[in-house]
Amino acid sequence: MDVRLAIGALFSILGAFLASFGIASDKALYERSLGVNINLEWGLVMLGFGLIMAILGRDRSRADVEPRTAAKDGSAGEREKTSRPGKQA
């Protein structure tokens, strides 16, 4: 499992909680900060970062899986050998 998936899930969950608190909280709470709803803003930032990390981790874990070729006798077969540009097998 890619660590970006766990980090993405953590930041997404915490960001969603923080953003929902910023939406549901009273406007009087933010008078001391010149009316800036910092909980909402940073909750959305954390949520966005978490989603990006989760997407990157998911895409990377899919790219690591190599396709298998089917053997003629019906068994699972061997991993398909791919040649890279500049290298000969």
PDB file of N, CA and C in Angstrom:
ATOM      1  N   MET A   1       0.844  -1.178   0.000  1.00  0.00           N
ATOM      2  CA  MET A   1       0.000   0.000   0.000  1.00  0.00           C
ATOM      3  C   MET A   1       0.886   1.237   0.000  1.00  0.00           C
ATOM      4  N   ASP A   2       0.531   2.182  -0.808  1.00  0.00           N
ATOM      5  CA  ASP A   2       1.290   3.415  -0.917  1.00  0.00           C
ATOM      6  C   ASP A   2       0.953   4.323   0.261  1.00  0.00           C
ATOM      7  N   VAL A   3       1.966   4.964   0.818  1.00  0.00           N
ATOM      8  CA  VAL A   3       1.760   5.826   1.981  1.00  0.00           C
ATOM      9  C   VAL A   3       0.912   7.055   1.621  1.00  0.00           C
ATOM     10  N   ARG A   4       0.907   7.423   0.335  1.00  0.00           N
ATOM     11  CA  ARG A   4       0.091   8.573  -0.076  1.00  0.00           C
ATOM     12  C   ARG A   4      -1.397   8.320   0.095  1.00  0.00           C
ATOM     13  N   LEU A   5      -1.806   7.060   0.019  1.00  0.00           N
ATOM     14  CA  LEU A   5      -3.217   6.753   0.247  1.00  0.00           C
ATOM     15  C   LEU A   5      -3.610   7.031   1.696  1.00  0.00           C
ATOM     16  N   ALA A   6      -2.765   6.623   2.645  1.00  0.00           N
ATOM     17  CA  ALA A   6      -3.062   6.859   4.059  1.00  0.00           C
ATOM     18  C   ALA A   6      -3.008   8.346   4.386  1.00  0.00           C
ATOM     19  N   ILE A   7      -2.017   9.047   3.866  1.00  0.00           N
ATOM     20  CA  ILE A   7      -1.911  10.492   4.100  1.00  0.00           C
ATOM     21  C   ILE A   7      -3.103  11.204   3.475  1.00  0.00           C
ATOM     22  N   GLY A   8      -3.479  10.802   2.278  1.00  0.00           N
ATOM     23  CA  GLY A   8      -4.624  11.414   1.613  1.00  0.00           C
ATOM     24  C   GLY A   8      -5.914  11.216   2.385  1.00  0.00           C
ATOM     25  N   ALA A   9      -6.107  10.013   2.921  1.00  0.00           N
ATOM     26  CA  ALA A   9      -7.312   9.747   3.706  1.00  0.00           C
ATOM     27  C   ALA A   9      -7.325  10.580   4.985  1.00  0.00           C
ATOM     28  N   LEU A  10      -6.181  10.662   5.653  1.00  0.00           N
ATOM     29  CA  LEU A  10      -6.090  11.438   6.890  1.00  0.00           C
ATOM     30  C   LEU A  10      -6.390  12.908   6.651  1.00  0.00           C
ATOM     31  N   PHE A  11      -5.739  13.513   5.675  1.00  0.00           N
ATOM     32  CA  PHE A  11      -5.957  14.929   5.403  1.00  0.00           C
ATOM     33  C   PHE A  11      -7.368  15.192   4.890  1.00  0.00           C
ATOM     34  N   SER A  12      -7.918  14.281   4.105  1.00  0.00           N
ATOM     35  CA  SER A  12      -9.279  14.469   3.594  1.00  0.00           C
ATOM     36  C   SER A  12     -10.303  14.449   4.721  1.00  0.00           C
ATOM     37  N   ILE A  13     -10.161  13.507   5.632  1.00  0.00           N
ATOM     38  CA  ILE A  13     -11.113  13.413   6.749  1.00  0.00           C
ATOM     39  C   ILE A  13     -10.997  14.625   7.669  1.00  0.00           C
ATOM     40  N   LEU A  14      -9.767  14.972   8.053  1.00  0.00           N
ATOM     41  CA  LEU A  14      -9.585  16.126   8.937  1.00  0.00           C
ATOM     42  C   LEU A  14      -9.994  17.435   8.257  1.00  0.00           C
ATOM     43  N   GLY A  15      -9.700  17.554   6.969  1.00  0.00           N
ATOM     44  CA  GLY A  15     -10.105  18.744   6.228  1.00  0.00           C
ATOM     45  C   GLY A  15     -11.618  18.875   6.129  1.00  0.00           C
ATOM     46  N   ALA A  16     -12.301  17.756   5.930  1.00  0.00           N
ATOM     47  CA  ALA A  16     -13.765  17.786   5.867  1.00  0.00           C
ATOM     48  C   ALA A  16     -14.363  18.188   7.215  1.00  0.00           C
ATOM     49  N   PHE A  17     -13.794  17.655   8.308  1.00  0.00           N
ATOM     50  CA  PHE A  17     -14.278  18.054   9.641  1.00  0.00           C
ATOM     51  C   PHE A  17     -14.041  19.539   9.888  1.00  0.00           C
ATOM     52  N   LEU A  18     -12.858  20.031   9.561  1.00  0.00           N
ATOM     53  CA  LEU A  18     -12.538  21.431   9.805  1.00  0.00           C
ATOM     54  C   LEU A  18     -13.392  22.357   8.939  1.00  0.00           C
ATOM     55  N   ALA A  19     -13.597  22.007   7.686  1.00  0.00           N
ATOM     56  CA  ALA A  19     -14.426  22.828   6.801  1.00  0.00           C
ATOM     57  C   ALA A  19     -15.885  22.824   7.253  1.00  0.00           C
ATOM     58  N   SER A  20     -16.380  21.677   7.684  1.00  0.00           N
ATOM     59  CA  SER A  20     -17.768  21.637   8.158  1.00  0.00           C
ATOM     60  C   SER A  20     -17.929  22.451   9.444  1.00  0.00           C
ATOM     61  N   PHE A  21     -16.903  22.447  10.307  1.00  0.00           N
ATOM     62  CA  PHE A  21     -16.960  23.295  11.496  1.00  0.00           C
ATOM     63  C   PHE A  21     -16.955  24.767  11.101  1.00  0.00           C
ATOM     64  N   GLY A  22     -16.168  25.118  10.104  1.00  0.00           N
ATOM     65  CA  GLY A  22     -16.136  26.503   9.634  1.00  0.00           C
ATOM     66  C   GLY A  22     -17.463  26.952   9.042  1.00  0.00           C
ATOM     67  N   ILE A  23     -18.169  26.031   8.385  1.00  0.00           N
ATOM     68  CA  ILE A  23     -19.477  26.370   7.812  1.00  0.00           C
ATOM     69  C   ILE A  23     -20.527  26.512   8.910  1.00  0.00           C
ATOM     70  N   ALA A  24     -20.492  25.610   9.891  1.00  0.00           N
ATOM     71  CA  ALA A  24     -21.533  25.569  10.918  1.00  0.00           C
ATOM     72  C   ALA A  24     -21.294  26.545  12.073  1.00  0.00           C
ATOM     73  N   SER A  25     -20.088  27.092  12.199  1.00  0.00           N
ATOM     74  CA  SER A  25     -19.790  27.931  13.359  1.00  0.00           C
ATOM     75  C   SER A  25     -20.405  29.328  13.224  1.00  0.00           C
ATOM     76  N   ASP A  26     -20.471  30.010  14.352  1.00  0.00           N
ATOM     77  CA  ASP A  26     -21.062  31.338  14.430  1.00  0.00           C
ATOM     78  C   ASP A  26     -20.093  32.382  13.874  1.00  0.00           C
ATOM     79  N   LYS A  27     -20.626  33.384  13.182  1.00  0.00           N
ATOM     80  CA  LYS A  27     -19.796  34.441  12.604  1.00  0.00           C
ATOM     81  C   LYS A  27     -19.103  35.276  13.679  1.00  0.00           C
ATOM     82  N   ALA A  28     -19.664  35.342  14.866  1.00  0.00           N
ATOM     83  CA  ALA A  28     -19.060  36.125  15.944  1.00  0.00           C
ATOM     84  C   ALA A  28     -17.724  35.533  16.386  1.00  0.00           C
ATOM     85  N   LEU A  29     -17.532  34.270  16.138  1.00  0.00           N
ATOM     86  CA  LEU A  29     -16.277  33.618  16.496  1.00  0.00           C
ATOM     87  C   LEU A  29     -15.096  34.204  15.722  1.00  0.00           C
ATOM     88  N   TYR A  30     -15.358  34.733  14.540  1.00  0.00           N
ATOM     89  CA  TYR A  30     -14.291  35.211  13.663  1.00  0.00           C
ATOM     90  C   TYR A  30     -14.123  36.727  13.684  1.00  0.00           C
ATOM     91  N   GLU A  31     -14.745  37.415  14.630  1.00  0.00           N
ATOM     92  CA  GLU A  31     -14.581  38.868  14.724  1.00  0.00           C
ATOM     93  C   GLU A  31     -13.147  39.238  15.091  1.00  0.00           C
ATOM     94  N   ARG A  32     -12.519  38.433  15.920  1.00  0.00           N
ATOM     95  CA  ARG A  32     -11.151  38.741  16.338  1.00  0.00           C
ATOM     96  C   ARG A  32     -10.150  38.554  15.197  1.00  0.00           C
ATOM     97  N   SER A  33     -10.489  37.768  14.220  1.00  0.00           N
ATOM     98  CA  SER A  33      -9.589  37.544  13.086  1.00  0.00           C
ATOM     99  C   SER A  33     -10.013  38.348  11.867  1.00  0.00           C
ATOM    100  N   LEU A  34     -10.623  39.510  12.101  1.00  0.00           N
ATOM    101  CA  LEU A  34     -11.065  40.430  11.045  1.00  0.00           C
ATOM    102  C   LEU A  34     -12.069  39.794  10.092  1.00  0.00           C
ATOM    103  N   GLY A  35     -12.869  38.861  10.630  1.00  0.00           N
ATOM    104  CA  GLY A  35     -13.932  38.240   9.855  1.00  0.00           C
ATOM    105  C   GLY A  35     -13.481  37.128   8.922  1.00  0.00           C
ATOM    106  N   VAL A  36     -12.237  36.712   9.020  1.00  0.00           N
ATOM    107  CA  VAL A  36     -11.731  35.647   8.158  1.00  0.00           C
ATOM    108  C   VAL A  36     -12.078  34.296   8.786  1.00  0.00           C
ATOM    109  N   ASN A  37     -12.807  33.488   8.049  1.00  0.00           N
ATOM    110  CA  ASN A  37     -13.190  32.160   8.521  1.00  0.00           C
ATOM    111  C   ASN A  37     -12.039  31.198   8.218  1.00  0.00           C
ATOM    112  N   ILE A  38     -11.055  31.204   9.087  1.00  0.00           N
ATOM    113  CA  ILE A  38      -9.837  30.440   8.854  1.00  0.00           C
ATOM    114  C   ILE A  38     -10.100  28.932   8.889  1.00  0.00           C
ATOM    115  N   ASN A  39     -11.077  28.504   9.664  1.00  0.00           N
ATOM    116  CA  ASN A  39     -11.406  27.075   9.719  1.00  0.00           C
ATOM    117  C   ASN A  39     -11.929  26.573   8.380  1.00  0.00           C
ATOM    118  N   LEU A  40     -12.775  27.349   7.750  1.00  0.00           N
ATOM    119  CA  LEU A  40     -13.307  26.964   6.449  1.00  0.00           C
ATOM    120  C   LEU A  40     -12.204  26.968   5.396  1.00  0.00           C
ATOM    121  N   GLU A  41     -11.396  28.022   5.377  1.00  0.00           N
ATOM    122  CA  GLU A  41     -10.358  28.132   4.357  1.00  0.00           C
ATOM    123  C   GLU A  41      -9.327  27.009   4.472  1.00  0.00           C
ATOM    124  N   TRP A  42      -8.796  26.778   5.664  1.00  0.00           N
ATOM    125  CA  TRP A  42      -7.783  25.746   5.811  1.00  0.00           C
ATOM    126  C   TRP A  42      -8.388  24.342   5.755  1.00  0.00           C
ATOM    127  N   GLY A  43      -9.646  24.204   6.096  1.00  0.00           N
ATOM    128  CA  GLY A  43     -10.310  22.920   5.916  1.00  0.00           C
ATOM    129  C   GLY A  43     -10.390  22.544   4.445  1.00  0.00           C
ATOM    130  N   LEU A  44     -10.700  23.528   3.600  1.00  0.00           N
ATOM    131  CA  LEU A  44     -10.755  23.272   2.162  1.00  0.00           C
ATOM    132  C   LEU A  44      -9.365  22.995   1.595  1.00  0.00           C
ATOM    133  N   VAL A  45      -8.348  23.689   2.106  1.00  0.00           N
ATOM    134  CA  VAL A  45      -6.977  23.436   1.666  1.00  0.00           C
ATOM    135  C   VAL A  45      -6.563  22.012   2.036  1.00  0.00           C
ATOM    136  N   MET A  46      -6.844  21.612   3.267  1.00  0.00           N
ATOM    137  CA  MET A  46      -6.491  20.263   3.706  1.00  0.00           C
ATOM    138  C   MET A  46      -7.259  19.204   2.915  1.00  0.00           C
ATOM    139  N   LEU A  47      -8.520  19.460   2.650  1.00  0.00           N
ATOM    140  CA  LEU A  47      -9.330  18.523   1.870  1.00  0.00           C
ATOM    141  C   LEU A  47      -8.772  18.382   0.454  1.00  0.00           C
ATOM    142  N   GLY A  48      -8.416  19.489  -0.168  1.00  0.00           N
ATOM    143  CA  GLY A  48      -7.833  19.444  -1.510  1.00  0.00           C
ATOM    144  C   GLY A  48      -6.508  18.703  -1.538  1.00  0.00           C
ATOM    145  N   PHE A  49      -5.647  18.971  -0.554  1.00  0.00           N
ATOM    146  CA  PHE A  49      -4.363  18.271  -0.476  1.00  0.00           C
ATOM    147  C   PHE A  49      -4.568  16.770  -0.275  1.00  0.00           C
ATOM    148  N   GLY A  50      -5.499  16.417   0.584  1.00  0.00           N
ATOM    149  CA  GLY A  50      -5.778  15.000   0.826  1.00  0.00           C
ATOM    150  C   GLY A  50      -6.283  14.291  -0.414  1.00  0.00           C
ATOM    151  N   LEU A  51      -7.149  14.955  -1.170  1.00  0.00           N
ATOM    152  CA  LEU A  51      -7.666  14.345  -2.398  1.00  0.00           C
ATOM    153  C   LEU A  51      -6.570  14.179  -3.438  1.00  0.00           C
ATOM    154  N   ILE A  52      -5.689  15.169  -3.551  1.00  0.00           N
ATOM    155  CA  ILE A  52      -4.579  15.065  -4.498  1.00  0.00           C
ATOM    156  C   ILE A  52      -3.656  13.911  -4.116  1.00  0.00           C
ATOM    157  N   MET A  53      -3.331  13.794  -2.838  1.00  0.00           N
ATOM    158  CA  MET A  53      -2.459  12.706  -2.390  1.00  0.00           C
ATOM    159  C   MET A  53      -3.110  11.336  -2.639  1.00  0.00           C
ATOM    160  N   ALA A  54      -4.403  11.240  -2.375  1.00  0.00           N
ATOM    161  CA  ALA A  54      -5.099   9.970  -2.586  1.00  0.00           C
ATOM    162  C   ALA A  54      -5.134   9.594  -4.062  1.00  0.00           C
ATOM    163  N   ILE A  55      -5.358  10.570  -4.924  1.00  0.00           N
ATOM    164  CA  ILE A  55      -5.387  10.302  -6.367  1.00  0.00           C
ATOM    165  C   ILE A  55      -4.017   9.883  -6.860  1.00  0.00           C
ATOM    166  N   LEU A  56      -2.971  10.589  -6.421  1.00  0.00           N
ATOM    167  CA  LEU A  56      -1.618  10.230  -6.835  1.00  0.00           C
ATOM    168  C   LEU A  56      -1.230   8.844  -6.324  1.00  0.00           C
ATOM    169  N   GLY A  57      -1.594   8.531  -5.096  1.00  0.00           N
ATOM    170  CA  GLY A  57      -1.290   7.217  -4.543  1.00  0.00           C
ATOM    171  C   GLY A  57      -2.044   6.111  -5.246  1.00  0.00           C
ATOM    172  N   ARG A  58      -3.254   6.378  -5.614  1.00  0.00           N
ATOM    173  CA  ARG A  58      -4.064   5.380  -6.311  1.00  0.00           C
ATOM    174  C   ARG A  58      -3.531   5.127  -7.714  1.00  0.00           C
ATOM    175  N   ASP A  59      -3.157   6.196  -8.424  1.00  0.00           N
ATOM    176  CA  ASP A  59      -2.613   6.041  -9.765  1.00  0.00           C
ATOM    177  C   ASP A  59      -1.284   5.298  -9.737  1.00  0.00           C
ATOM    178  N   ARG A  60      -0.443   5.570  -8.750  1.00  0.00           N
ATOM    179  CA  ARG A  60       0.860   4.909  -8.657  1.00  0.00           C
ATOM    180  C   ARG A  60       0.699   3.429  -8.335  1.00  0.00           C
ATOM    181  N   SER A  61      -0.264   3.091  -7.476  1.00  0.00           N
ATOM    182  CA  SER A  61      -0.447   1.682  -7.133  1.00  0.00           C
ATOM    183  C   SER A  61      -0.980   0.892  -8.328  1.00  0.00           C
ATOM    184  N   ARG A  62      -1.719   1.522  -9.201  1.00  0.00           N
ATOM    185  CA  ARG A  62      -2.193   0.839 -10.409  1.00  0.00           C
ATOM    186  C   ARG A  62      -1.063   0.634 -11.411  1.00  0.00           C
ATOM    187  N   ALA A  63      -0.133   1.569 -11.472  1.00  0.00           N
ATOM    188  CA  ALA A  63       0.962   1.473 -12.436  1.00  0.00           C
ATOM    189  C   ALA A  63       1.966   0.398 -12.038  1.00  0.00           C
ATOM    190  N   ASP A  64       2.037   0.037 -10.756  1.00  0.00           N
ATOM    191  CA  ASP A  64       2.986  -0.963 -10.295  1.00  0.00           C
ATOM    192  C   ASP A  64       2.572  -2.384 -10.644  1.00  0.00           C
ATOM    193  N   VAL A  65       1.331  -2.605 -10.987  1.00  0.00           N
ATOM    194  CA  VAL A  65       0.841  -3.946 -11.290  1.00  0.00           C
ATOM    195  C   VAL A  65       1.213  -4.285 -12.718  1.00  0.00           C
ATOM    196  N   GLU A  66       1.947  -5.383 -12.885  1.00  0.00           N
ATOM    197  CA  GLU A  66       2.334  -5.825 -14.215  1.00  0.00           C
ATOM    198  C   GLU A  66       1.309  -6.831 -14.727  1.00  0.00           C
ATOM    199  N   PRO A  67       0.971  -6.758 -15.996  1.00  0.00           N
ATOM    200  CA  PRO A  67       0.009  -7.729 -16.540  1.00  0.00           C
ATOM    201  C   PRO A  67       0.646  -9.105 -16.656  1.00  0.00           C
ATOM    202  N   ARG A  68      -0.162 -10.126 -16.475  1.00  0.00           N
ATOM    203  CA  ARG A  68       0.306 -11.505 -16.617  1.00  0.00           C
ATOM    204  C   ARG A  68      -0.222 -12.072 -17.926  1.00  0.00           C
ATOM    205  N   THR A  69       0.582 -12.927 -18.531  1.00  0.00           N
ATOM    206  CA  THR A  69       0.136 -13.592 -19.749  1.00  0.00           C
ATOM    207  C   THR A  69      -0.404 -14.963 -19.386  1.00  0.00           C
ATOM    208  N   ALA A  70      -1.401 -15.383 -20.077  1.00  0.00           N
ATOM    209  CA  ALA A  70      -2.000 -16.697 -19.812  1.00  0.00           C
ATOM    210  C   ALA A  70      -1.178 -17.775 -20.501  1.00  0.00           C
ATOM    211  N   ALA A  71      -0.920 -18.835 -19.783  1.00  0.00           N
ATOM    212  CA  ALA A  71      -0.190 -19.965 -20.351  1.00  0.00           C
ATOM    213  C   ALA A  71      -1.155 -20.821 -21.175  1.00  0.00           C
ATOM    214  N   LYS A  72      -0.604 -21.619 -22.071  1.00  0.00           N
ATOM    215  CA  LYS A  72      -1.451 -22.444 -22.933  1.00  0.00           C
ATOM    216  C   LYS A  72      -2.167 -23.542 -22.171  1.00  0.00           C
ATOM    217  N   ASP A  73      -1.603 -23.965 -21.031  1.00  0.00           N
ATOM    218  CA  ASP A  73      -2.232 -25.044 -20.272  1.00  0.00           C
ATOM    219  C   ASP A  73      -3.290 -24.536 -19.293  1.00  0.00           C
ATOM    220  N   GLY A  74      -3.570 -23.228 -19.301  1.00  0.00           N
ATOM    221  CA  GLY A  74      -4.612 -22.680 -18.439  1.00  0.00           C
ATOM    222  C   GLY A  74      -4.119 -22.204 -17.089  1.00  0.00           C
ATOM    223  N   SER A  75      -2.825 -22.348 -16.805  1.00  0.00           N
ATOM    224  CA  SER A  75      -2.304 -21.855 -15.528  1.00  0.00           C
ATOM    225  C   SER A  75      -2.119 -20.340 -15.595  1.00  0.00           C
ATOM    226  N   ALA A  76      -1.705 -19.780 -14.491  1.00  0.00           N
ATOM    227  CA  ALA A  76      -1.606 -18.324 -14.400  1.00  0.00           C
ATOM    228  C   ALA A  76      -0.569 -17.756 -15.355  1.00  0.00           C
ATOM    229  N   GLY A  77       0.495 -18.481 -15.623  1.00  0.00           N
ATOM    230  CA  GLY A  77       1.489 -18.010 -16.564  1.00  0.00           C
ATOM    231  C   GLY A  77       2.571 -17.172 -15.906  1.00  0.00           C
ATOM    232  N   GLU A  78       3.433 -16.627 -16.726  1.00  0.00           N
ATOM    233  CA  GLU A  78       4.535 -15.808 -16.237  1.00  0.00           C
ATOM    234  C   GLU A  78       4.233 -14.349 -16.485  1.00  0.00           C
ATOM    235  N   ARG A  79       5.029 -13.508 -15.811  1.00  0.00           N
ATOM    236  CA  ARG A  79       4.880 -12.074 -16.044  1.00  0.00           C
ATOM    237  C   ARG A  79       5.369 -11.747 -17.449  1.00  0.00           C
ATOM    238  N   GLU A  80       4.659 -10.836 -18.053  1.00  0.00           N
ATOM    239  CA  GLU A  80       5.002 -10.440 -19.404  1.00  0.00           C
ATOM    240  C   GLU A  80       6.290  -9.624 -19.379  1.00  0.00           C
ATOM    241  N   LYS A  81       7.231  -9.968 -20.237  1.00  0.00           N
ATOM    242  CA  LYS A  81       8.488  -9.235 -20.298  1.00  0.00           C
ATOM    243  C   LYS A  81       8.311  -8.069 -21.260  1.00  0.00           C
ATOM    244  N   THR A  82       8.605  -6.902 -20.770  1.00  0.00           N
ATOM    245  CA  THR A  82       8.524  -5.714 -21.616  1.00  0.00           C
ATOM    246  C   THR A  82       9.926  -5.177 -21.809  1.00  0.00           C
ATOM    247  N   SER A  83      10.202  -4.742 -22.988  1.00  0.00           N
ATOM    248  CA  SER A  83      11.526  -4.162 -23.249  1.00  0.00           C
ATOM    249  C   SER A  83      11.439  -2.661 -23.105  1.00  0.00           C
ATOM    250  N   ARG A  84      12.462  -2.131 -22.509  1.00  0.00           N
ATOM    251  CA  ARG A  84      12.542  -0.680 -22.349  1.00  0.00           C
ATOM    252  C   ARG A  84      13.376  -0.100 -23.469  1.00  0.00           C
ATOM    253  N   PRO A  85      13.075   1.112 -23.861  1.00  0.00           N
ATOM    254  CA  PRO A  85      13.888   1.739 -24.924  1.00  0.00           C
ATOM    255  C   PRO A  85      15.348   1.841 -24.474  1.00  0.00           C
ATOM    256  N   GLY A  86      16.249   1.412 -25.326  1.00  0.00           N
ATOM    257  CA  GLY A  86      17.661   1.498 -25.019  1.00  0.00           C
ATOM    258  C   GLY A  86      18.212   0.256 -24.346  1.00  0.00           C
ATOM    259  N   LYS A  87      17.367  -0.669 -23.923  1.00  0.00           N
ATOM    260  CA  LYS A  87      17.815  -1.906 -23.277  1.00  0.00           C
ATOM    261  C   LYS A  87      17.345  -3.081 -24.112  1.00  0.00           C
ATOM    262  N   GLN A  88      18.192  -4.086 -24.188  1.00  0.00           N
ATOM    263  CA  GLN A  88      17.812  -5.288 -24.898  1.00  0.00           C
ATOM    264  C   GLN A  88      17.615  -6.403 -23.917  1.00  0.00           C
ATOM    265  N   ALA A  89      16.596  -7.228 -24.139  1.00  0.00           N
ATOM    266  CA  ALA A  89      16.282  -8.318 -23.216  1.00  0.00           C
ATOM    267  C   ALA A  89      17.234  -9.476 -23.355  1.00  0.00           C
TER     268      ALA A  89
END
